């Protein structure tokens, strides 16, 4: 998928985020390629880690793994990177499709520099780097509290929403992931399998799986199931249809299977879910 970004507006927004938080922020496209960052230069700590080939590879793998987790969660994801610094990543969505990611990172979130260094030294001891220089770089890092990181993650989510709302990020709707997403949205009551989708879009199962993981963050069967449950939740709260009819409209041929899947995904059966919503 190709996502196009208004890089002028995007860069200005990244700069605003940095001015507020003093934390470096980066935007990736849906294939995990870095498009823009502010400041452009990595922190000294990260530059030292990346002088080692394995350290550099671990950085890239760590970012990709976090992107996939954030996409599956549909929300910001905060974690410690392979070298011991804290980062947060938020997926960018248009509809149900992931079109990119925002990441802030290189944050030193430890009670003290000495506490942090003990953990970081253990994580980085096998890299071919100057550990004394890495320790100096750690001491240059400001100590950031968990509360501060949480607040920054809320701002990050707001930035992600703004990107989509203002159409700074646009999606070429003719592309295959968008076609598949639109088709699924209009055919949830039909029998939807990987075989039928492969025949419909003239692609192989491997390609379909890769598209689903990259665009939706989960396999195609799980994505279809999630869409059906979301539709069922809407019908439960917006209509007076009997449960059997709701199940049928959402593509569940077996009523008991619908109840089982709904409870597994939502945590409660449909009737209890409706009661909880009505009580709010």
Protein backbone atom coordinates (compact mmCIF):
# COMPACT_ATOMS: atom_id res chain seq x y z
CA UNK A 1 0.00 0.00 0.00
CA UNK A 2 1.25 3.53 -0.76
CA UNK A 3 0.33 6.28 1.67
CA UNK A 4 1.06 9.89 0.76
CA UNK A 5 1.85 12.40 3.49
CA UNK A 6 1.76 16.18 3.42
CA UNK A 7 5.34 16.37 4.66
CA UNK A 8 5.32 20.14 5.25
CA UNK A 9 2.35 20.00 7.63
CA UNK A 10 3.59 16.74 9.08
CA UNK A 11 7.04 18.12 9.89
CA UNK A 12 5.49 21.18 11.55
CA UNK A 13 3.30 18.94 13.70
CA UNK A 14 6.25 16.77 14.72
CA UNK A 15 8.17 19.88 15.72
CA UNK A 16 5.23 21.06 17.84
CA UNK A 17 5.13 17.70 19.62
CA UNK A 18 8.86 17.93 20.36
CA UNK A 19 8.57 21.50 21.62
CA UNK A 20 5.87 20.39 24.06
CA UNK A 21 7.49 17.17 25.27
CA UNK A 22 11.21 17.42 24.41
CA UNK A 23 10.89 13.84 23.12
CA UNK A 24 11.94 12.83 19.61
CA UNK A 25 9.04 11.75 17.37
CA UNK A 26 9.12 9.75 14.15
CA UNK A 27 6.54 8.79 11.52
CA UNK A 28 6.73 5.49 9.62
CA UNK A 29 4.70 4.40 6.62
CA UNK A 30 2.76 1.13 6.69
CA UNK A 31 5.88 -0.80 5.57
CA UNK A 32 7.87 0.51 8.56
CA UNK A 33 9.97 2.94 6.51
CA UNK A 34 10.83 6.18 8.30
CA UNK A 35 9.32 9.19 6.51
CA UNK A 36 10.07 12.06 8.86
CA UNK A 37 11.38 12.76 12.35
CA UNK A 38 11.98 15.68 14.68
CA UNK A 39 14.72 16.22 15.56
CA UNK A 40 16.12 14.46 12.51
CA UNK A 41 19.21 13.20 14.31
CA UNK A 42 19.02 10.23 16.65
CA UNK A 43 20.02 10.61 20.27
CA UNK A 44 23.69 9.93 20.98
CA UNK A 45 22.71 6.76 22.86
CA UNK A 46 21.04 5.30 19.77
CA UNK A 47 23.83 6.38 17.45
CA UNK A 48 26.30 4.45 19.58
CA UNK A 49 24.10 1.33 19.62
CA UNK A 50 23.74 1.47 15.84
CA UNK A 51 27.49 1.48 15.23
CA UNK A 52 27.23 -2.26 15.88
CA UNK A 53 25.60 -4.21 13.03
CA UNK A 54 23.63 -6.42 15.42
CA UNK A 55 22.53 -3.41 17.44
CA UNK A 56 21.33 -1.68 14.29
CA UNK A 57 19.42 -4.78 13.20
CA UNK A 58 17.84 -5.16 16.64
CA UNK A 59 16.68 -1.53 16.47
CA UNK A 60 14.86 -2.13 13.20
CA UNK A 61 13.33 -5.42 14.36
CA UNK A 62 12.23 -3.84 17.63
CA UNK A 63 10.43 -1.02 15.77
CA UNK A 64 8.69 -3.45 13.41
CA UNK A 65 7.56 -5.71 16.24
CA UNK A 66 6.15 -2.75 18.17
CA UNK A 67 4.31 -1.51 15.08
CA UNK A 68 2.60 -4.87 14.67
CA UNK A 69 1.57 -4.99 18.34
CA UNK A 70 0.20 -1.42 18.22
CA UNK A 71 -1.76 -2.22 15.04
CA UNK A 72 -3.33 -5.26 16.68
CA UNK A 73 -4.20 -3.27 19.81
CA UNK A 74 -5.61 -0.31 17.82
CA UNK A 75 -4.07 1.96 20.46
CA UNK A 76 -0.71 3.39 21.60
CA UNK A 77 1.76 0.80 22.85
CA UNK A 78 4.53 1.69 25.33
CA UNK A 79 7.49 -0.66 25.75
CA UNK A 80 11.18 -0.92 26.52
CA UNK A 81 13.33 -1.30 23.44
CA UNK A 82 16.02 -3.97 23.09
CA UNK A 83 18.64 -1.54 24.48
CA UNK A 84 16.60 -0.45 27.49
CA UNK A 85 15.07 2.89 26.48
CA UNK A 86 11.31 3.50 26.58
CA UNK A 87 9.27 4.14 23.43
CA UNK A 88 5.60 4.55 22.54
CA UNK A 89 4.05 3.85 19.15
CA UNK A 90 0.58 4.71 17.85
CA UNK A 91 -0.94 3.29 14.65
CA UNK A 92 -2.47 5.58 12.02
CA UNK A 93 -5.78 4.31 10.64
CA UNK A 94 -8.09 5.22 7.82
CA UNK A 95 -11.14 3.06 8.35
CA UNK A 96 -9.84 -0.38 9.29
CA UNK A 97 -6.57 -0.02 7.39
CA UNK A 98 -3.22 0.82 8.97
CA UNK A 99 -1.51 3.50 6.88
CA UNK A 100 1.40 4.37 9.13
CA UNK A 101 2.76 4.76 12.64
CA UNK A 102 3.87 7.54 14.99
CA UNK A 103 6.64 6.75 17.43
CA UNK A 104 8.27 8.71 20.21
CA UNK A 105 11.25 7.27 21.91
CA UNK A 106 14.79 7.21 23.20
CA UNK A 107 13.36 8.04 26.63
CA UNK A 108 15.29 7.23 29.82
CA UNK A 109 12.55 6.16 32.26
CA UNK A 110 14.40 4.90 35.32
CA UNK A 111 14.47 6.08 38.97
CA UNK A 112 18.11 7.15 38.54
CA UNK A 113 20.87 7.08 35.96
CA UNK A 114 22.71 4.40 37.95
CA UNK A 115 19.62 2.13 38.13
CA UNK A 116 19.07 2.55 34.41
CA UNK A 117 22.69 1.95 33.53
CA UNK A 118 22.79 -1.36 35.40
CA UNK A 119 19.93 -2.69 33.25
CA UNK A 120 21.17 -1.15 30.01
CA UNK A 121 24.71 -2.48 30.49
CA UNK A 122 23.33 -6.01 30.85
CA UNK A 123 21.24 -5.63 27.69
CA UNK A 124 24.05 -4.17 25.57
CA UNK A 125 27.10 -6.04 26.85
CA UNK A 126 27.34 -8.25 23.74
CA UNK A 127 27.38 -5.38 21.25
CA UNK A 128 30.74 -4.32 19.84
CA UNK A 129 30.51 -0.79 21.23
CA UNK A 130 32.34 1.39 23.74
CA UNK A 131 30.32 0.82 26.92
CA UNK A 132 32.03 3.73 28.68
CA UNK A 133 30.79 6.07 25.94
CA UNK A 134 27.33 4.51 26.15
CA UNK A 135 27.29 5.17 29.90
CA UNK A 136 28.19 8.82 29.28
CA UNK A 137 25.32 9.01 26.77
CA UNK A 138 22.97 7.58 29.42
CA UNK A 139 23.99 10.30 31.86
CA UNK A 140 23.06 12.92 29.25
CA UNK A 141 19.52 11.55 29.06
CA UNK A 142 16.93 13.38 31.20
CA UNK A 143 15.07 11.22 33.73
CA UNK A 144 11.45 10.87 32.53
CA UNK A 145 8.68 9.64 34.82
CA UNK A 146 6.02 7.09 33.88
CA UNK A 147 3.31 9.75 34.33
CA UNK A 148 5.09 12.02 31.88
CA UNK A 149 5.34 9.20 29.33
CA UNK A 150 1.65 8.40 29.74
CA UNK A 151 0.71 12.05 29.15
CA UNK A 152 2.98 12.19 26.12
CA UNK A 153 1.31 9.04 24.77
CA UNK A 154 -2.08 10.79 25.03
CA UNK A 155 -0.72 13.69 22.99
CA UNK A 156 0.70 11.18 20.51
CA UNK A 157 -2.76 9.66 20.07
CA UNK A 158 -4.22 13.11 19.50
CA UNK A 159 -1.58 13.80 16.85
CA UNK A 160 -2.42 10.50 15.15
CA UNK A 161 -6.12 11.39 15.09
CA UNK A 162 -5.34 14.85 13.72
CA UNK A 163 -3.28 13.40 10.90
CA UNK A 164 -6.24 11.35 9.74
CA UNK A 165 -8.95 13.93 10.39
CA UNK A 166 -7.18 16.65 8.43
CA UNK A 167 -6.31 14.26 5.66
CA UNK A 168 -2.60 14.94 6.02
CA UNK A 169 -2.45 11.25 5.29
CA UNK A 170 -4.38 10.05 2.26
CA UNK A 171 -4.93 6.56 0.99
CA UNK A 172 -5.18 5.58 -2.65
CA UNK A 173 -8.53 3.83 -2.53
CA UNK A 174 -7.87 1.85 -5.69
CA UNK A 175 -5.23 -0.23 -3.95
CA UNK A 176 -5.82 -3.84 -3.02
CA UNK A 177 -6.02 -3.54 0.81
CA UNK A 178 -8.67 -0.83 0.48
CA UNK A 179 -10.61 -2.92 -2.05
CA UNK A 180 -10.54 -5.93 0.27
CA UNK A 181 -11.62 -3.83 3.26
CA UNK A 182 -14.52 -2.30 1.32
CA UNK A 183 -15.59 -5.73 0.03
CA UNK A 184 -15.57 -7.22 3.53
CA UNK A 185 -17.61 -4.32 4.94
CA UNK A 186 -20.36 -4.93 2.38
CA UNK A 187 -20.38 -8.74 2.51
CA UNK A 188 -20.20 -9.63 6.21
CA UNK A 189 -23.38 -11.70 5.97
CA UNK A 190 -21.84 -13.82 3.18
CA UNK A 191 -19.58 -16.81 3.60
CA UNK A 192 -16.12 -15.22 3.75
CA UNK A 193 -13.09 -17.48 3.61
CA UNK A 194 -9.52 -17.00 2.46
CA UNK A 195 -10.36 -19.14 -0.57
CA UNK A 196 -13.28 -16.97 -1.65
CA UNK A 197 -11.26 -13.78 -1.15
CA UNK A 198 -8.30 -15.17 -3.09
CA UNK A 199 -10.60 -16.05 -5.98
CA UNK A 200 -12.35 -12.67 -5.81
CA UNK A 201 -9.10 -10.64 -5.93
CA UNK A 202 -6.97 -13.09 -7.94
CA UNK A 203 -4.26 -13.42 -5.30
CA UNK A 204 -2.64 -16.27 -3.41
CA UNK A 205 -3.20 -17.16 0.24
CA UNK A 206 0.30 -16.02 1.20
CA UNK A 207 -0.27 -12.59 -0.34
CA UNK A 208 -3.67 -12.32 1.35
CA UNK A 209 -2.12 -13.17 4.71
CA UNK A 210 0.67 -10.61 4.24
CA UNK A 211 -1.84 -7.90 3.26
CA UNK A 212 -4.01 -8.70 6.27
CA UNK A 213 -1.12 -8.65 8.76
CA UNK A 214 0.32 -5.43 7.34
CA UNK A 215 -2.97 -3.59 6.87
CA UNK A 216 -5.09 -4.88 9.77
CA UNK A 217 -2.52 -6.20 12.24
CA UNK A 218 -4.12 -9.67 12.40
CA UNK A 219 -4.78 -12.64 10.12
CA UNK A 220 -7.68 -12.38 7.66
CA UNK A 221 -9.96 -14.79 9.59
CA UNK A 222 -9.50 -12.81 12.81
CA UNK A 223 -10.05 -9.52 10.97
CA UNK A 224 -13.34 -10.81 9.51
CA UNK A 225 -14.40 -12.06 12.94
CA UNK A 226 -13.60 -8.68 14.51
CA UNK A 227 -15.62 -6.85 11.84
CA UNK A 228 -18.59 -9.16 12.39
CA UNK A 229 -18.52 -8.69 16.16
CA UNK A 230 -18.34 -4.89 15.76
CA UNK A 231 -21.35 -5.01 13.46
CA UNK A 232 -23.19 -7.23 15.96
CA UNK A 233 -22.49 -4.72 18.75
CA UNK A 234 -23.92 -1.92 16.60
CA UNK A 235 -27.04 -3.89 15.72
CA UNK A 236 -27.58 -4.85 19.35
CA UNK A 237 -27.61 -1.22 20.47
CA UNK A 238 -29.23 0.40 17.41
CA UNK A 239 -31.95 -2.09 16.46
CA UNK A 240 -34.60 -4.28 18.02
CA UNK A 241 -33.72 -7.32 15.94
CA UNK A 242 -33.77 -10.74 17.63
CA UNK A 243 -30.37 -12.27 18.32
CA UNK A 244 -30.82 -14.93 15.65
CA UNK A 245 -31.37 -12.25 12.99
CA UNK A 246 -28.37 -10.26 14.20
CA UNK A 247 -26.25 -13.40 14.03
CA UNK A 248 -27.39 -14.06 10.45
CA UNK A 249 -26.76 -10.48 9.31
CA UNK A 250 -23.25 -10.69 10.74
CA UNK A 251 -22.41 -13.88 8.87
CA UNK A 252 -22.89 -16.40 11.69
CA UNK A 253 -24.84 -19.36 10.34
CA UNK A 254 -24.86 -21.07 13.71
CA UNK A 255 -26.58 -19.14 16.53
CA UNK A 256 -24.66 -20.95 19.28
CA UNK A 257 -21.37 -20.24 17.54
CA UNK A 258 -22.31 -16.55 17.42
CA UNK A 259 -22.88 -16.50 21.20
CA UNK A 260 -19.55 -18.28 21.80
CA UNK A 261 -17.53 -15.99 19.52
CA UNK A 262 -19.21 -12.85 20.87
CA UNK A 263 -18.48 -13.84 24.48
CA UNK A 264 -14.86 -14.66 23.62
CA UNK A 265 -14.27 -11.33 21.83
CA UNK A 266 -16.27 -9.00 24.08
CA UNK A 267 -15.98 -10.79 27.42
CA UNK A 268 -19.73 -11.17 27.98
CA UNK A 269 -22.62 -12.71 25.97
CA UNK A 270 -24.72 -10.41 23.71
CA UNK A 271 -27.64 -9.87 26.12
CA UNK A 272 -25.35 -8.96 28.99
CA UNK A 273 -23.39 -6.61 26.71
CA UNK A 274 -26.60 -4.83 25.72
CA UNK A 275 -27.60 -4.53 29.37
CA UNK A 276 -24.24 -3.02 30.25
CA UNK A 277 -24.50 -0.48 27.43
CA UNK A 278 -28.06 0.51 28.47
CA UNK A 279 -26.94 1.04 32.07
CA UNK A 280 -24.24 3.53 31.11
